[in-house]
Protein backbone atom coordinates (compact mmCIF):
# COMPACT_ATOMS: atom_id res chain seq x y z
CA MET A 1 -45.50 14.86 -31.58
CA LYS A 2 -43.14 15.60 -28.71
CA LYS A 3 -44.67 16.56 -25.39
CA SER A 4 -42.44 19.58 -24.90
CA TYR A 5 -40.34 21.80 -27.13
CA LYS A 6 -37.43 20.95 -24.83
CA ASP A 7 -37.57 17.38 -26.18
CA LEU A 8 -36.80 18.57 -29.72
CA GLU A 9 -33.22 18.23 -30.94
CA VAL A 10 -33.65 21.40 -32.99
CA TYR A 11 -34.62 23.35 -29.88
CA LYS A 12 -31.61 22.02 -27.96
CA ARG A 13 -29.24 22.85 -30.84
CA SER A 14 -30.68 26.32 -31.44
CA TYR A 15 -30.54 27.17 -27.73
CA VAL A 16 -26.86 26.21 -27.46
CA LEU A 17 -26.16 28.17 -30.65
CA ALA A 18 -27.95 31.23 -29.27
CA LEU A 19 -25.68 31.07 -26.23
CA ARG A 20 -22.60 30.81 -28.47
CA VAL A 21 -23.70 33.74 -30.62
CA HIS A 22 -24.51 35.82 -27.55
CA LYS A 23 -21.03 35.30 -26.12
CA LEU A 24 -19.41 35.95 -29.49
CA SER A 25 -21.42 39.13 -30.04
CA LEU A 26 -20.27 40.60 -26.74
CA GLU A 27 -16.68 40.42 -28.02
CA LEU A 28 -17.49 42.56 -31.08
CA PRO A 29 -16.37 46.21 -31.13
CA LYS A 30 -18.35 48.60 -28.94
CA GLU A 31 -19.39 50.73 -31.92
CA ILE A 32 -21.53 47.91 -33.33
CA GLN A 33 -23.01 46.64 -30.03
CA PHE A 34 -26.32 48.47 -30.59
CA ASP A 35 -26.55 47.53 -34.24
CA LEU A 36 -25.12 44.37 -35.75
CA ALA A 37 -24.24 42.66 -32.45
CA ASP A 38 -27.72 43.28 -31.09
CA GLN A 39 -29.32 42.09 -34.33
CA ILE A 40 -27.46 38.78 -34.41
CA ARG A 41 -28.24 38.20 -30.73
CA ARG A 42 -31.95 38.80 -31.33
CA SER A 43 -32.15 36.63 -34.45
CA SER A 44 -30.26 33.76 -32.80
CA ARG A 45 -32.55 33.89 -29.74
CA SER A 46 -35.60 34.06 -32.00
CA ILE A 47 -35.09 30.49 -33.19
CA PRO A 48 -35.51 28.65 -29.87
CA ALA A 49 -37.94 31.32 -28.65
CA ASN A 50 -40.30 30.74 -31.59
CA ILE A 51 -40.11 26.98 -31.15
CA ALA A 52 -40.97 27.42 -27.46
CA GLU A 53 -43.80 29.85 -28.17
CA GLY A 54 -45.33 27.65 -30.85
CA TYR A 55 -45.33 24.62 -28.61
CA GLY A 56 -46.39 26.69 -25.60
CA ARG A 57 -49.60 27.78 -27.29
CA ASN A 58 -50.47 24.10 -27.60
CA LYS A 59 -53.36 24.76 -29.96
CA SER A 60 -52.68 22.92 -33.19
CA SER A 61 -49.95 21.73 -35.50
CA LYS A 62 -50.89 24.61 -37.81
CA ASP A 63 -50.22 27.15 -35.05
CA ILE A 64 -46.88 25.52 -34.20
CA LEU A 65 -46.06 25.44 -37.90
CA ASN A 66 -46.30 29.23 -38.20
CA PHE A 67 -43.81 29.70 -35.37
CA VAL A 68 -41.42 27.08 -36.75
CA ARG A 69 -41.48 28.83 -40.12
CA THR A 70 -40.59 32.08 -38.37
CA ALA A 71 -37.74 30.25 -36.61
CA LEU A 72 -36.47 29.07 -40.01
CA GLY A 73 -36.47 32.67 -41.26
CA SER A 74 -34.49 33.72 -38.19
CA ASN A 75 -32.04 30.89 -38.87
CA ASP A 76 -31.39 32.33 -42.34
CA GLU A 77 -31.02 35.79 -40.82
CA VAL A 78 -28.31 34.49 -38.47
CA LEU A 79 -26.52 32.88 -41.41
CA PHE A 80 -26.58 36.21 -43.26
CA ASN A 81 -25.23 38.10 -40.25
CA LEU A 82 -22.46 35.57 -39.67
CA GLU A 83 -21.34 35.88 -43.28
CA PHE A 84 -21.46 39.66 -43.04
CA LEU A 85 -19.35 39.65 -39.86
CA LYS A 86 -16.82 37.38 -41.58
CA ASP A 87 -16.67 39.55 -44.69
CA VAL A 88 -16.01 42.73 -42.69
CA ASP A 89 -13.26 40.90 -40.80
CA LEU A 90 -15.05 40.82 -37.45
CA LEU A 91 -15.37 37.02 -37.35
CA LYS A 92 -12.54 34.57 -37.93
CA GLN A 93 -13.00 32.07 -40.73
CA VAL A 94 -12.78 29.05 -38.41
CA GLU A 95 -15.46 30.43 -36.04
CA TYR A 96 -17.61 31.39 -39.01
CA GLU A 97 -17.41 27.89 -40.50
CA SER A 98 -18.17 26.23 -37.17
CA LEU A 99 -21.26 28.36 -36.55
CA ARG A 100 -22.36 28.25 -40.18
CA ASN A 101 -22.22 24.45 -40.22
CA GLU A 102 -24.28 24.24 -37.04
CA TYR A 103 -26.88 26.70 -38.35
CA ILE A 104 -27.13 24.75 -41.60
CA VAL A 105 -27.93 21.63 -39.58
CA CYS A 106 -30.41 23.66 -37.52
CA GLY A 107 -32.09 24.85 -40.73
CA LYS A 108 -32.37 21.27 -41.98
CA GLN A 109 -33.90 20.19 -38.67
CA LEU A 110 -36.42 23.05 -38.83
CA THR A 111 -37.27 22.08 -42.41
CA GLN A 112 -37.87 18.48 -41.34
CA LEU A 113 -40.08 19.66 -38.48
CA ILE A 114 -42.06 21.81 -40.93
CA LYS A 115 -42.52 18.79 -43.21
CA TYR A 116 -43.66 16.69 -40.26
CA LEU A 117 -46.13 19.33 -39.08
CA THR A 118 -47.43 19.86 -42.62
CA SER A 119 -48.07 16.16 -43.16
CA ASN A 120 -49.97 15.70 -39.88
C-alpha cells in the first residue's frame, strides 16, 4: 500500500480534474451557480477528498475502502452532471468528451483500488 494518498495516480488525476471542473463551473450562467454549478464542484472535489480522508484515518484497508467506494459514487455523479450540462447546451461537446474520458479513467482507477483493498 502507498504511504500517502498523494502517491496514488487516482488521487493526482482526480485532484487535477476537480480543478478543471471548478474553473469550468465558474463560467456557467449565474442563475445556476447555487444549484448545478455548486453540485458539480462539490462532487468533483469529493473524489480526491474521500481518498485523502480514507488514507488520513490510517486505520485499516476496510476503512479506506469505504471512502474509496464513496469516491467512486462521486465520480459517477460528476459523469451524470457533465452529461446533463452537455444536454442542456451549457457544455460544449469537445469539453464534455475530454472530461468524460478522464472521469472514466478515474472510475477505472478507483475500481482497481477497490479490488486491491478488497483482496488485501
